[in-house]
Amino acid sequence: MKVAFFGYAWNAAQQPDAYMTETFESLAQAGADVDVFMGQLLSKEFGIYGLNEKMPLGKLRAALEEEGYDAIITFNNSMLLPELEGAIRGKTVSLIVDEPEHLFDYHRTGPYEAMRKEVEIVAMSSALERRLIEAIPGVEPRLHFMLPATHIDLELAL
């Protein structure tokens, strides 16, 4: 399985936080072929709002299509842009780990707009799950609750 992982970073080194790193490393250890993309580079001034005009979205879309990814896993709607919609043939899963004011909103259409599409959503807290149910009518069939485990070592668990 080939997976595009859309993460982000706010540190000086522009490297994903440990929970994201452990998530995509665990996928790779399970046999997935994972490519990591950093969504803050698409936004204006490395925030969650605005679109960086210097980023060639047409080229990015073509590259995503060419790679033939089976799925997208995104944190907080990173890189969920209308311009990239349909570039991946498989499922899109958005892991929501933060409050709505921390979700990527490149076009300033609101924090929930990207999740109104055919996106599977994983809420990492029951409070986030409730907010999503209130904000997005009919979302329940696509909404999943999951505890925030990022890496499980089966030998240690036994």
Protein backbone atom coordinates (compact mmCIF):
# COMPACT_ATOMS: atom_id res chain seq x y z
CA MET A 1 0.00 0.00 0.00
CA LYS A 2 1.30 3.43 -0.96
CA VAL A 3 0.31 6.25 1.41
CA ALA A 4 0.70 10.03 1.19
CA PHE A 5 1.04 11.41 4.71
CA PHE A 6 0.14 15.10 4.99
CA GLY A 7 1.64 16.45 8.19
CA TYR A 8 3.00 19.76 9.41
CA ALA A 9 5.60 21.24 11.75
CA TRP A 10 5.85 24.41 13.76
CA ASN A 11 9.40 23.97 15.05
CA ALA A 12 12.51 25.73 13.71
CA ALA A 13 13.76 22.57 12.00
CA GLN A 14 10.42 22.18 10.14
CA GLN A 15 10.26 18.51 11.22
CA PRO A 16 7.03 16.77 12.25
CA ASP A 17 6.32 16.32 15.95
CA ALA A 18 6.94 12.96 17.61
CA TYR A 19 3.31 11.78 17.41
CA MET A 20 3.23 12.32 13.64
CA THR A 21 6.65 10.76 13.15
CA GLU A 22 5.68 7.70 15.16
CA THR A 23 2.45 7.39 13.18
CA PHE A 24 4.08 7.31 9.74
CA GLU A 25 7.02 5.22 10.99
CA SER A 26 4.54 2.65 12.36
CA LEU A 27 2.78 2.56 8.98
CA ALA A 28 6.12 1.98 7.26
CA GLN A 29 7.03 -0.79 9.74
CA ALA A 30 3.67 -2.42 8.96
CA GLY A 31 4.66 -2.56 5.28
CA ALA A 32 3.21 0.65 3.85
CA ASP A 33 5.25 2.76 1.44
CA VAL A 34 4.86 6.22 3.04
CA ASP A 35 5.79 9.61 1.56
CA VAL A 36 5.61 12.59 3.94
CA PHE A 37 4.46 16.04 2.82
CA MET A 38 4.55 19.14 5.04
CA GLY A 39 1.34 21.14 4.75
CA GLN A 40 2.58 24.31 6.45
CA LEU A 41 4.72 24.95 3.37
CA LEU A 42 1.55 25.45 1.32
CA SER A 43 0.17 28.08 3.64
CA LYS A 44 1.05 31.71 3.76
CA GLU A 45 3.79 32.53 6.25
CA PHE A 46 3.77 28.94 7.61
CA GLY A 47 0.42 29.35 9.39
CA ILE A 48 -2.85 27.49 8.90
CA TYR A 49 -4.49 30.27 6.86
CA GLY A 50 -3.88 31.57 3.39
CA LEU A 51 -2.31 29.90 0.39
CA ASN A 52 1.31 30.43 -0.55
CA GLU A 53 1.13 31.78 -4.11
CA LYS A 54 4.65 30.51 -4.82
CA MET A 55 3.63 26.85 -4.44
CA PRO A 56 2.80 25.32 -7.84
CA LEU A 57 -0.36 23.38 -6.96
CA GLY A 58 -0.72 22.09 -10.53
CA LYS A 59 2.70 20.44 -10.33
CA LEU A 60 1.96 19.06 -6.88
CA ARG A 61 -1.33 17.61 -8.09
CA ALA A 62 0.40 16.01 -11.10
CA ALA A 63 3.07 14.51 -8.82
CA LEU A 64 0.44 13.07 -6.47
CA GLU A 65 -1.45 11.56 -9.41
CA GLU A 66 1.74 10.12 -10.91
CA GLU A 67 2.74 8.40 -7.65
CA GLY A 68 -0.54 6.47 -7.60
CA TYR A 69 -1.16 6.66 -3.85
CA ASP A 70 -3.73 4.30 -2.39
CA ALA A 71 -4.64 6.64 0.46
CA ILE A 72 -4.01 9.98 2.14
CA ILE A 73 -3.60 10.37 5.87
CA THR A 74 -3.69 13.99 6.96
CA PHE A 75 -3.40 15.63 10.35
CA ASN A 76 -5.77 18.55 11.03
CA ASN A 77 -6.78 18.80 7.35
CA SER A 78 -3.23 19.55 6.24
CA MET A 79 -3.13 19.86 2.43
CA LEU A 80 -6.86 19.14 1.99
CA LEU A 81 -7.30 21.64 -0.81
CA PRO A 82 -9.93 21.70 -3.57
CA GLU A 83 -7.05 22.06 -6.05
CA LEU A 84 -5.67 18.66 -4.97
CA GLU A 85 -9.03 16.90 -4.64
CA GLY A 86 -9.18 13.72 -6.70
CA ALA A 87 -5.39 13.44 -7.12
CA ILE A 88 -5.43 10.31 -4.95
CA ARG A 89 -7.50 7.35 -6.09
CA GLY A 90 -8.10 5.88 -2.65
CA LYS A 91 -9.49 7.01 0.68
CA THR A 92 -8.65 10.22 2.45
CA VAL A 93 -8.49 10.10 6.25
CA SER A 94 -8.14 13.26 8.32
CA LEU A 95 -6.96 12.78 11.89
CA ILE A 96 -8.24 15.68 13.96
CA VAL A 97 -5.94 16.15 16.92
CA ASP A 98 -6.57 19.81 17.79
CA GLU A 99 -9.39 22.27 18.33
CA PRO A 100 -11.11 23.81 15.27
CA GLU A 101 -9.06 27.01 15.44
CA HIS A 102 -5.95 24.91 14.75
CA LEU A 103 -7.26 23.15 11.63
CA PHE A 104 -5.77 24.10 8.26
CA ASP A 105 -8.05 26.50 6.40
CA TYR A 106 -6.04 27.60 3.37
CA HIS A 107 -8.94 29.40 1.65
CA ARG A 108 -10.54 30.77 4.84
CA THR A 109 -13.79 28.92 4.21
CA GLY A 110 -14.00 27.74 7.83
CA PRO A 111 -12.37 24.91 9.77
CA TYR A 112 -14.92 22.27 8.76
CA GLU A 113 -15.23 22.85 5.00
CA ALA A 114 -12.62 20.24 4.01
CA MET A 115 -14.47 17.63 6.07
CA ARG A 116 -17.79 18.17 4.30
CA LYS A 117 -16.39 16.20 1.35
CA GLU A 118 -16.04 12.42 1.18
CA VAL A 119 -13.31 12.29 3.82
CA GLU A 120 -13.10 9.76 6.63
CA ILE A 121 -12.55 11.63 9.88
CA VAL A 122 -10.85 10.35 13.01
CA ALA A 123 -11.38 12.43 16.14
CA MET A 124 -8.69 11.93 18.75
CA SER A 125 -10.90 13.02 21.65
CA SER A 126 -14.55 12.62 22.49
CA ALA A 127 -14.88 16.42 22.81
CA LEU A 128 -13.63 16.85 19.23
CA GLU A 129 -16.00 14.12 18.10
CA ARG A 130 -18.97 15.97 19.64
CA ARG A 131 -17.91 19.28 18.04
CA LEU A 132 -17.67 17.66 14.62
CA ILE A 133 -21.12 16.08 14.96
CA GLU A 134 -22.57 19.49 15.88
CA ALA A 135 -20.75 21.35 13.07
CA ILE A 136 -21.15 18.94 10.13
CA PRO A 137 -24.66 17.59 9.52
CA GLY A 138 -24.68 13.92 8.54
CA VAL A 139 -21.01 13.32 9.37
CA GLU A 140 -21.60 10.35 11.70
CA PRO A 141 -21.07 7.55 9.11
CA ARG A 142 -17.64 8.99 8.26
CA LEU A 143 -16.62 9.94 11.81
CA HIS A 144 -14.54 7.60 13.96
CA PHE A 145 -13.23 7.99 17.49
CA MET A 146 -9.74 6.72 18.26
CA LEU A 147 -7.51 7.01 21.28
CA PRO A 148 -4.24 8.77 20.39
CA ALA A 149 -1.88 5.80 20.26
CA THR A 150 0.89 6.44 17.75
CA HIS A 151 3.18 3.46 18.15
CA ILE A 152 2.50 0.12 19.72
CA ASP A 153 5.27 -2.38 20.45
CA LEU A 154 3.50 -5.73 20.71
CA GLU A 155 6.38 -7.31 22.62
CA LEU A 156 6.16 -4.64 25.33
CA ALA A 157 2.37 -4.85 25.44
CA LEU A 158 2.43 -8.54 26.33
